[in-house]
């Protein structure tokens, strides 16, 4: 049985927040002055982990993506400068990490982001079935992928709606088929977004993690 676990928490300590994100080995460092207020909502099934985090202060995230996973981050609100793996990004940027990859992410004050982590086996199976598999594989070699604004906005709206509805409906976790249906819907959204010949990846450059 593919169980679904839901949780919602609020924090006033950045490291407590970081340690509450399931399966991620990471540290958060607050670099702006003032009291921290953050929230973390998570949905975790056997093959997919989705979480939305909102943090009111500037934070640098450093760590390692979970092994055996393919990880994406979809910014919902970016009220300031943002850098991923040493590259500048904006509200049209999709972030990508492979399992075991070290990362450095500079998050501005008031950042709101939805992250989606898929088991590699699940993702690779979907990739094999895609007619755009070769194009997508090339894109995934980069940490930041630029998406046409209108396409990204529509995909983000649908993903946030799926996530929010699942969080709001606490009984959903007990419904037969709920978890695999949500897994498939989120994966289909991302695969559809990536299967676009007009997407551009930003060249990966060596990034210091110090």
Protein backbone atom coordinates (compact mmCIF):
# COMPACT_ATOMS: atom_id res chain seq x y z
CA UNK A 1 0.00 0.00 0.00
CA UNK A 2 1.34 3.39 -1.00
CA UNK A 3 0.68 5.47 2.14
CA UNK A 4 0.60 9.26 2.15
CA UNK A 5 1.92 11.28 5.09
CA UNK A 6 1.04 14.96 5.48
CA UNK A 7 2.52 17.48 7.91
CA UNK A 8 2.47 21.23 8.52
CA UNK A 9 4.84 23.07 10.87
CA UNK A 10 5.97 26.59 11.78
CA UNK A 11 9.42 27.51 13.07
CA UNK A 12 11.38 30.38 14.58
CA UNK A 13 14.77 28.67 14.22
CA UNK A 14 16.31 28.12 10.80
CA UNK A 15 18.18 24.93 11.68
CA UNK A 16 15.09 23.35 13.20
CA UNK A 17 13.32 24.11 9.94
CA UNK A 18 16.16 22.58 7.89
CA UNK A 19 16.25 19.38 9.94
CA UNK A 20 12.47 18.94 9.59
CA UNK A 21 12.66 18.50 5.80
CA UNK A 22 12.39 14.74 5.31
CA UNK A 23 15.40 12.89 3.86
CA UNK A 24 17.50 15.99 3.08
CA UNK A 25 21.01 16.38 4.53
CA UNK A 26 21.38 20.14 4.73
CA UNK A 27 22.10 23.21 6.79
CA UNK A 28 20.38 26.60 6.59
CA UNK A 29 22.24 29.77 7.56
CA UNK A 30 20.30 32.98 8.22
CA UNK A 31 22.20 35.96 6.77
CA UNK A 32 19.74 38.80 7.44
CA UNK A 33 19.01 40.34 10.83
CA UNK A 34 15.73 39.82 12.65
CA UNK A 35 13.47 37.12 14.00
CA UNK A 36 12.88 34.15 11.76
CA UNK A 37 9.39 33.01 10.91
CA UNK A 38 8.97 30.08 8.57
CA UNK A 39 6.51 27.40 7.57
CA UNK A 40 6.96 23.94 6.10
CA UNK A 41 4.20 21.80 4.63
CA UNK A 42 5.09 18.30 3.41
CA UNK A 43 3.45 15.46 1.52
CA UNK A 44 5.37 12.20 1.43
CA UNK A 45 4.44 8.96 -0.28
CA UNK A 46 6.47 5.90 -1.17
CA UNK A 47 7.82 7.43 -4.40
CA UNK A 48 7.32 11.21 -4.15
CA UNK A 49 8.12 13.88 -1.56
CA UNK A 50 6.62 17.33 -2.10
CA UNK A 51 7.17 20.23 0.28
CA UNK A 52 6.44 23.94 0.34
CA UNK A 53 8.58 26.22 2.46
CA UNK A 54 8.21 29.92 3.21
CA UNK A 55 10.91 31.83 5.09
CA UNK A 56 10.83 35.53 5.95
CA UNK A 57 14.61 36.01 6.22
CA UNK A 58 17.54 35.68 3.80
CA UNK A 59 18.90 32.16 4.05
CA UNK A 60 21.72 30.20 2.45
CA UNK A 61 20.94 26.51 2.00
CA UNK A 62 23.82 24.06 1.69
CA UNK A 63 23.67 20.29 1.61
CA UNK A 64 23.27 17.15 -0.44
CA UNK A 65 20.22 16.02 -2.39
CA UNK A 66 18.77 12.66 -1.30
CA UNK A 67 20.41 9.74 -3.07
CA UNK A 68 18.34 7.74 -5.51
CA UNK A 69 16.15 10.77 -6.25
CA UNK A 70 15.57 13.40 -8.92
CA UNK A 71 14.77 16.75 -7.31
CA UNK A 72 13.05 19.86 -8.66
CA UNK A 73 12.23 23.22 -7.08
CA UNK A 74 9.53 25.54 -8.39
CA UNK A 75 9.71 29.12 -7.06
CA UNK A 76 6.30 30.50 -6.18
CA UNK A 77 7.44 33.95 -5.06
CA UNK A 78 10.92 35.46 -5.42
CA UNK A 79 10.98 38.95 -3.85
CA UNK A 80 14.74 39.42 -4.31
CA UNK A 81 17.99 38.16 -5.83
CA UNK A 82 18.35 34.39 -5.97
CA UNK A 83 21.31 32.16 -6.82
CA UNK A 84 21.42 28.42 -7.39
CA UNK A 85 24.79 26.65 -7.77
CA UNK A 86 26.40 30.05 -8.32
CA UNK A 87 23.98 31.02 -11.10
CA UNK A 88 21.54 33.90 -10.95
CA UNK A 89 17.93 32.86 -11.35
CA UNK A 90 14.44 34.37 -11.33
CA UNK A 91 10.75 33.48 -11.27
CA UNK A 92 11.04 31.69 -14.64
CA UNK A 93 13.70 29.27 -13.36
CA UNK A 94 13.20 25.59 -12.60
CA UNK A 95 15.90 24.17 -10.31
CA UNK A 96 17.21 20.62 -10.75
CA UNK A 97 19.34 18.35 -8.57
CA UNK A 98 20.28 14.70 -8.97
CA UNK A 99 20.50 12.44 -5.96
CA UNK A 100 23.75 12.81 -4.02
CA UNK A 101 24.57 16.14 -5.66
CA UNK A 102 25.89 18.88 -3.37
CA UNK A 103 24.10 22.21 -3.62
CA UNK A 104 24.31 25.85 -2.56
CA UNK A 105 21.16 27.95 -2.77
CA UNK A 106 20.85 31.64 -1.82
CA UNK A 107 17.26 32.34 -0.82
CA UNK A 108 16.01 35.97 -0.56
CA UNK A 109 13.77 37.33 2.19
CA UNK A 110 10.19 36.19 1.82
CA UNK A 111 10.96 33.28 -0.50
CA UNK A 112 8.12 30.83 -1.19
CA UNK A 113 9.05 27.61 -2.98
CA UNK A 114 7.57 24.23 -3.85
CA UNK A 115 10.01 21.31 -4.10
CA UNK A 116 9.26 17.96 -5.72
CA UNK A 117 11.47 14.90 -5.23
CA UNK A 118 10.84 11.73 -7.25
CA UNK A 119 12.38 8.29 -6.89
CA UNK A 120 14.88 7.92 -9.73
CA UNK A 121 13.25 4.69 -10.91
CA UNK A 122 9.85 6.35 -11.21
CA UNK A 123 11.26 9.38 -13.00
CA UNK A 124 13.52 7.42 -15.35
CA UNK A 125 10.61 5.18 -16.36
CA UNK A 126 8.56 8.26 -17.27
CA UNK A 127 11.54 9.70 -19.12
CA UNK A 128 11.97 6.51 -21.17
CA UNK A 129 8.33 6.81 -22.26
CA UNK A 130 8.71 10.43 -23.38
CA UNK A 131 9.26 11.20 -27.08
CA UNK A 132 11.44 14.09 -25.91
CA UNK A 133 13.67 11.91 -23.71
CA UNK A 134 16.94 12.99 -25.34
CA UNK A 135 16.08 16.70 -25.04
CA UNK A 136 15.02 16.33 -21.41
CA UNK A 137 18.17 14.41 -20.49
CA UNK A 138 20.30 17.26 -21.83
CA UNK A 139 18.30 19.82 -19.87
CA UNK A 140 18.65 17.85 -16.65
CA UNK A 141 22.43 18.11 -16.77
CA UNK A 142 22.05 21.76 -15.74
CA UNK A 143 20.94 23.08 -12.33
CA UNK A 144 18.79 25.93 -13.68
CA UNK A 145 16.36 25.69 -16.59
CA UNK A 146 14.68 28.79 -18.00
CA UNK A 147 10.99 28.31 -18.78
CA UNK A 148 8.83 30.58 -20.97
CA UNK A 149 6.84 32.69 -18.53
CA UNK A 150 3.34 31.68 -19.60
CA UNK A 151 4.16 27.94 -19.60
CA UNK A 152 5.82 28.09 -16.20
CA UNK A 153 3.00 30.13 -14.68
CA UNK A 154 0.36 27.63 -15.78
CA UNK A 155 2.35 24.61 -14.62
CA UNK A 156 3.17 26.26 -11.28
CA UNK A 157 -0.49 27.14 -10.73
CA UNK A 158 -1.56 23.53 -11.29
CA UNK A 159 1.19 22.05 -9.12
CA UNK A 160 0.46 24.44 -6.24
CA UNK A 161 -3.26 23.66 -6.54
CA UNK A 162 -2.59 19.90 -6.36
CA UNK A 163 -0.35 20.34 -3.35
CA UNK A 164 -2.66 22.75 -1.52
CA UNK A 165 -5.73 20.58 -2.06
CA UNK A 166 -3.92 17.52 -0.71
CA UNK A 167 -2.72 19.42 2.37
CA UNK A 168 -6.14 20.93 2.99
CA UNK A 169 -7.95 17.60 2.75
CA UNK A 170 -6.58 15.70 5.71
CA UNK A 171 -8.70 12.65 4.87
CA UNK A 172 -7.05 12.29 1.46
CA UNK A 173 -4.28 10.11 2.81
CA UNK A 174 -6.78 7.33 3.55
CA UNK A 175 -8.43 7.35 0.12
CA UNK A 176 -7.68 4.36 -2.10
CA UNK A 177 -5.48 5.40 -5.00
CA UNK A 178 -4.90 8.93 -3.73
CA UNK A 179 -1.11 8.68 -3.41
CA UNK A 180 -0.37 7.11 -6.82
CA UNK A 181 -2.81 9.50 -8.51
CA UNK A 182 -1.08 12.51 -6.97
CA UNK A 183 2.36 11.10 -7.82
CA UNK A 184 1.36 10.62 -11.45
CA UNK A 185 -0.28 14.04 -11.75
CA UNK A 186 2.77 15.88 -10.40
CA UNK A 187 5.17 13.86 -12.53
CA UNK A 188 3.08 14.39 -15.66
CA UNK A 189 3.08 18.15 -15.07
CA UNK A 190 6.88 18.29 -14.85
CA UNK A 191 7.45 15.98 -17.80
CA UNK A 192 5.09 18.08 -19.91
CA UNK A 193 6.92 21.22 -18.88
CA UNK A 194 10.33 19.77 -19.74
CA UNK A 195 9.23 18.32 -23.09
CA UNK A 196 9.50 21.72 -24.72
CA UNK A 197 12.09 22.42 -27.44
CA UNK A 198 12.22 26.11 -26.51
CA UNK A 199 13.58 25.64 -23.00
CA UNK A 200 17.08 26.82 -22.19
CA UNK A 201 19.46 25.65 -19.50
CA UNK A 202 22.03 27.89 -17.87
CA UNK A 203 25.56 26.63 -18.23
CA UNK A 204 26.84 24.95 -15.09
CA UNK A 205 29.92 26.58 -13.66
CA UNK A 206 32.16 25.38 -10.83
CA UNK A 207 30.70 26.65 -7.57
CA UNK A 208 32.49 27.11 -4.28
CA UNK A 209 30.58 25.72 -1.32
CA UNK A 210 32.59 27.62 1.25
